[in-house]
Amino acid sequence: MPTLEAIEITLPSQLEAITTLATAGDWENVRFRVSNELKPLETQSSALVNSIDQQVSEELTQAVANMGNVQRRILLIVPITAISTFFIAAFLAWAVTRRIVELRLEERVNERTRITRELHDSFLQTIQGSKLVADDALEPSTDPIRMRRAMEQLSVWLAQATQEDGRR
């Protein structure tokens, strides 16, 4: 940058002096100034442009290499992220599905247990009632009609118990 600033300061005054000499027709001094003063400025400018061009090329090469690295990282990170997301979603879906199945199974077991209890309670009540009727029928009695009604009731209830047991 200091070289560029020096050229910016020196060049206008040199060009003005050469223009003045050319206007005056002093071509020998014009050639002398062009060779001795403008040529070094041109050489410095050319060297400066080449140096800047080389720096820009190096920076461009480095930027392209950095972009290549970033692209490779992106091409690695994006699929890994997508695959990870897929597996997490699949695991969560599996866990939710499994829990739903467990809840439905638990619901079915609870319902069947409830029905079994009701059937069992009803069956047990029939058996207990039959035992009471049988115990009553076994009591010493001279009333054959009471005995007959007790045996008929016992027969009905035992038929119900057999029928309930067959449903299970």
Protein backbone atom coordinates (compact mmCIF):
# COMPACT_ATOMS: atom_id res chain seq x y z
CA MET A 1 0.00 0.00 0.00
CA PRO A 2 2.80 2.52 0.65
CA THR A 3 4.13 1.84 -2.87
CA LEU A 4 0.70 2.44 -4.34
CA GLU A 5 0.33 5.70 -2.42
CA ALA A 6 3.78 6.83 -3.61
CA ILE A 7 2.84 6.06 -7.22
CA GLU A 8 -0.48 7.93 -6.82
CA ILE A 9 1.37 10.99 -5.51
CA THR A 10 4.31 10.92 -7.97
CA LEU A 11 2.56 9.96 -11.22
CA PRO A 12 0.34 13.05 -11.67
CA SER A 13 3.27 15.45 -11.15
CA GLN A 14 5.50 13.45 -13.54
CA LEU A 15 2.78 13.38 -16.21
CA GLU A 16 2.23 17.11 -15.82
CA ALA A 17 5.96 17.81 -16.23
CA ILE A 18 6.16 15.57 -19.32
CA THR A 19 3.08 17.25 -20.80
CA THR A 20 4.66 20.66 -20.25
CA LEU A 21 7.91 19.52 -21.93
CA ALA A 22 5.99 17.97 -24.84
CA THR A 23 3.99 21.16 -25.28
CA ALA A 24 7.24 23.10 -25.37
CA GLY A 25 8.61 20.68 -27.96
CA ASP A 26 11.51 19.52 -25.76
CA TRP A 27 11.35 15.91 -26.93
CA GLU A 28 14.74 14.97 -25.62
CA ASN A 29 13.75 15.83 -22.06
CA VAL A 30 10.41 14.06 -22.65
CA ARG A 31 12.30 10.86 -23.62
CA PHE A 32 14.65 11.31 -20.68
CA ARG A 33 11.81 11.74 -18.19
CA VAL A 34 9.84 8.84 -19.66
CA SER A 35 12.91 6.55 -19.46
CA ASN A 36 14.24 7.68 -16.11
CA GLU A 37 11.13 8.60 -14.19
CA LEU A 38 8.08 6.94 -15.76
CA LYS A 39 9.72 3.60 -16.54
CA PRO A 40 10.61 3.01 -12.84
CA LEU A 41 7.03 3.95 -11.89
CA GLU A 42 5.71 1.58 -14.57
CA THR A 43 8.01 -1.17 -13.31
CA GLN A 44 6.92 -0.57 -9.72
CA SER A 45 3.25 -0.54 -10.79
CA SER A 46 3.70 -3.73 -12.77
CA ALA A 47 5.48 -5.41 -9.86
CA LEU A 48 2.77 -4.22 -7.51
CA VAL A 49 0.00 -5.52 -9.81
CA ASN A 50 1.81 -8.86 -10.16
CA SER A 51 2.24 -9.09 -6.38
CA ILE A 52 -1.42 -8.29 -5.75
CA ASP A 53 -2.46 -10.73 -8.50
CA GLN A 54 -0.34 -13.45 -6.90
CA GLN A 55 -1.80 -12.73 -3.45
CA VAL A 56 -5.34 -12.77 -4.86
CA SER A 57 -4.62 -16.06 -6.67
CA GLU A 58 -3.26 -17.61 -3.46
CA GLU A 59 -6.23 -16.36 -1.47
CA LEU A 60 -8.60 -17.62 -4.17
CA THR A 61 -6.89 -21.04 -4.14
CA GLN A 62 -7.13 -21.12 -0.33
CA ALA A 63 -10.80 -20.06 -0.45
CA VAL A 64 -11.58 -22.77 -3.01
CA ALA A 65 -9.80 -25.35 -0.82
CA ASN A 66 -11.73 -24.12 2.24
CA MET A 67 -15.00 -24.30 0.33
CA GLY A 68 -14.14 -27.86 -0.72
CA ASN A 69 -13.53 -28.77 2.93
CA VAL A 70 -16.80 -27.16 3.97
CA GLN A 71 -18.67 -28.97 1.19
CA ARG A 72 -17.20 -32.33 2.24
CA ARG A 73 -18.20 -31.65 5.83
CA ILE A 74 -21.70 -30.68 4.77
CA LEU A 75 -21.96 -33.77 2.57
CA LEU A 76 -20.97 -35.83 5.60
CA ILE A 77 -23.03 -34.01 8.26
CA VAL A 78 -26.33 -33.79 6.35
CA PRO A 79 -26.72 -37.54 5.66
CA ILE A 80 -25.56 -38.45 9.17
CA THR A 81 -28.09 -36.01 10.62
CA ALA A 82 -30.85 -37.36 8.38
CA ILE A 83 -30.04 -40.97 9.27
CA SER A 84 -29.85 -40.14 12.97
CA THR A 85 -33.17 -38.31 12.80
CA PHE A 86 -34.74 -41.26 11.00
CA PHE A 87 -33.52 -43.75 13.61
CA ILE A 88 -34.68 -41.54 16.48
CA ALA A 89 -38.12 -41.14 14.86
CA ALA A 90 -38.31 -44.89 14.18
CA PHE A 91 -37.37 -45.67 17.78
CA LEU A 92 -39.97 -43.24 19.12
CA ALA A 93 -42.62 -44.68 16.79
CA TRP A 94 -41.71 -48.20 17.92
CA ALA A 95 -41.87 -47.16 21.60
CA VAL A 96 -45.27 -45.46 21.15
CA THR A 97 -46.64 -48.44 19.19
CA ARG A 98 -45.36 -50.85 21.80
CA ARG A 99 -46.97 -48.83 24.60
CA ILE A 100 -50.29 -48.71 22.73
CA VAL A 101 -50.19 -52.48 22.24
CA GLU A 102 -49.35 -52.95 25.94
CA LEU A 103 -52.26 -50.71 26.97
CA ARG A 104 -54.68 -52.55 24.68
CA LEU A 105 -53.49 -55.90 26.00
CA GLU A 106 -53.84 -54.67 29.57
CA GLU A 107 -57.34 -53.39 28.76
CA ARG A 108 -58.33 -56.78 27.31
CA VAL A 109 -56.89 -58.66 30.29
CA ASN A 110 -58.73 -56.35 32.71
CA GLU A 111 -62.01 -56.82 30.83
CA ARG A 112 -61.59 -60.59 30.72
CA THR A 113 -60.69 -60.64 34.41
CA ARG A 114 -63.81 -58.61 35.20
CA ILE A 115 -66.01 -60.96 33.13
CA THR A 116 -64.36 -63.99 34.73
CA ARG A 117 -65.02 -62.58 38.20
CA GLU A 118 -68.63 -61.94 37.33
CA LEU A 119 -69.01 -65.44 35.93
CA HIS A 120 -67.16 -66.91 38.86
CA ASP A 121 -69.23 -64.92 41.33
CA SER A 122 -72.46 -65.96 39.58
CA PHE A 123 -71.31 -69.60 39.40
CA LEU A 124 -70.20 -69.52 43.02
CA GLN A 125 -73.51 -67.98 44.08
CA THR A 126 -75.39 -70.72 42.23
CA ILE A 127 -73.32 -73.42 43.93
CA GLN A 128 -73.72 -71.81 47.35
CA GLY A 129 -77.47 -71.42 46.84
CA SER A 130 -77.67 -75.07 45.72
CA LYS A 131 -75.80 -76.13 48.85
CA LEU A 132 -78.24 -74.21 51.03
CA VAL A 133 -81.21 -75.83 49.27
CA ALA A 134 -79.55 -79.26 49.57
CA ASP A 135 -78.86 -78.64 53.27
CA ASP A 136 -82.49 -77.64 53.72
CA ALA A 137 -83.64 -80.75 51.88
CA LEU A 138 -81.45 -82.90 54.14
CA GLU A 139 -83.17 -81.57 57.24
CA PRO A 140 -85.53 -84.14 58.72
CA SER A 141 -88.99 -83.33 57.50
CA THR A 142 -92.24 -85.09 56.94
CA ASP A 143 -93.36 -82.64 54.23
CA PRO A 144 -92.68 -84.37 50.87
CA ILE A 145 -93.82 -81.29 48.86
CA ARG A 146 -91.18 -79.10 50.51
CA MET A 147 -88.61 -81.81 49.77
CA ARG A 148 -89.77 -81.99 46.15
CA ARG A 149 -89.58 -78.18 45.67
CA ALA A 150 -86.09 -78.12 47.21
CA MET A 151 -84.89 -80.89 44.86
CA GLU A 152 -86.46 -79.14 41.82
CA GLN A 153 -84.77 -75.85 42.78
CA LEU A 154 -81.49 -77.72 43.31
CA SER A 155 -81.84 -79.30 39.85
CA VAL A 156 -82.52 -75.91 38.19
CA TRP A 157 -79.57 -74.25 39.88
CA LEU A 158 -77.18 -77.09 39.10
CA ALA A 159 -78.30 -76.92 35.46
CA GLN A 160 -77.55 -73.16 35.49
CA ALA A 161 -74.14 -73.79 37.05
CA THR A 162 -73.36 -76.40 34.40
CA GLN A 163 -74.51 -74.02 31.68
CA GLU A 164 -72.38 -71.13 33.09
CA ASP A 165 -69.37 -73.37 33.37
CA GLY A 166 -69.83 -74.40 29.72
CA ARG A 167 -69.76 -70.73 28.60
CA ARG A 168 -66.34 -70.22 30.06
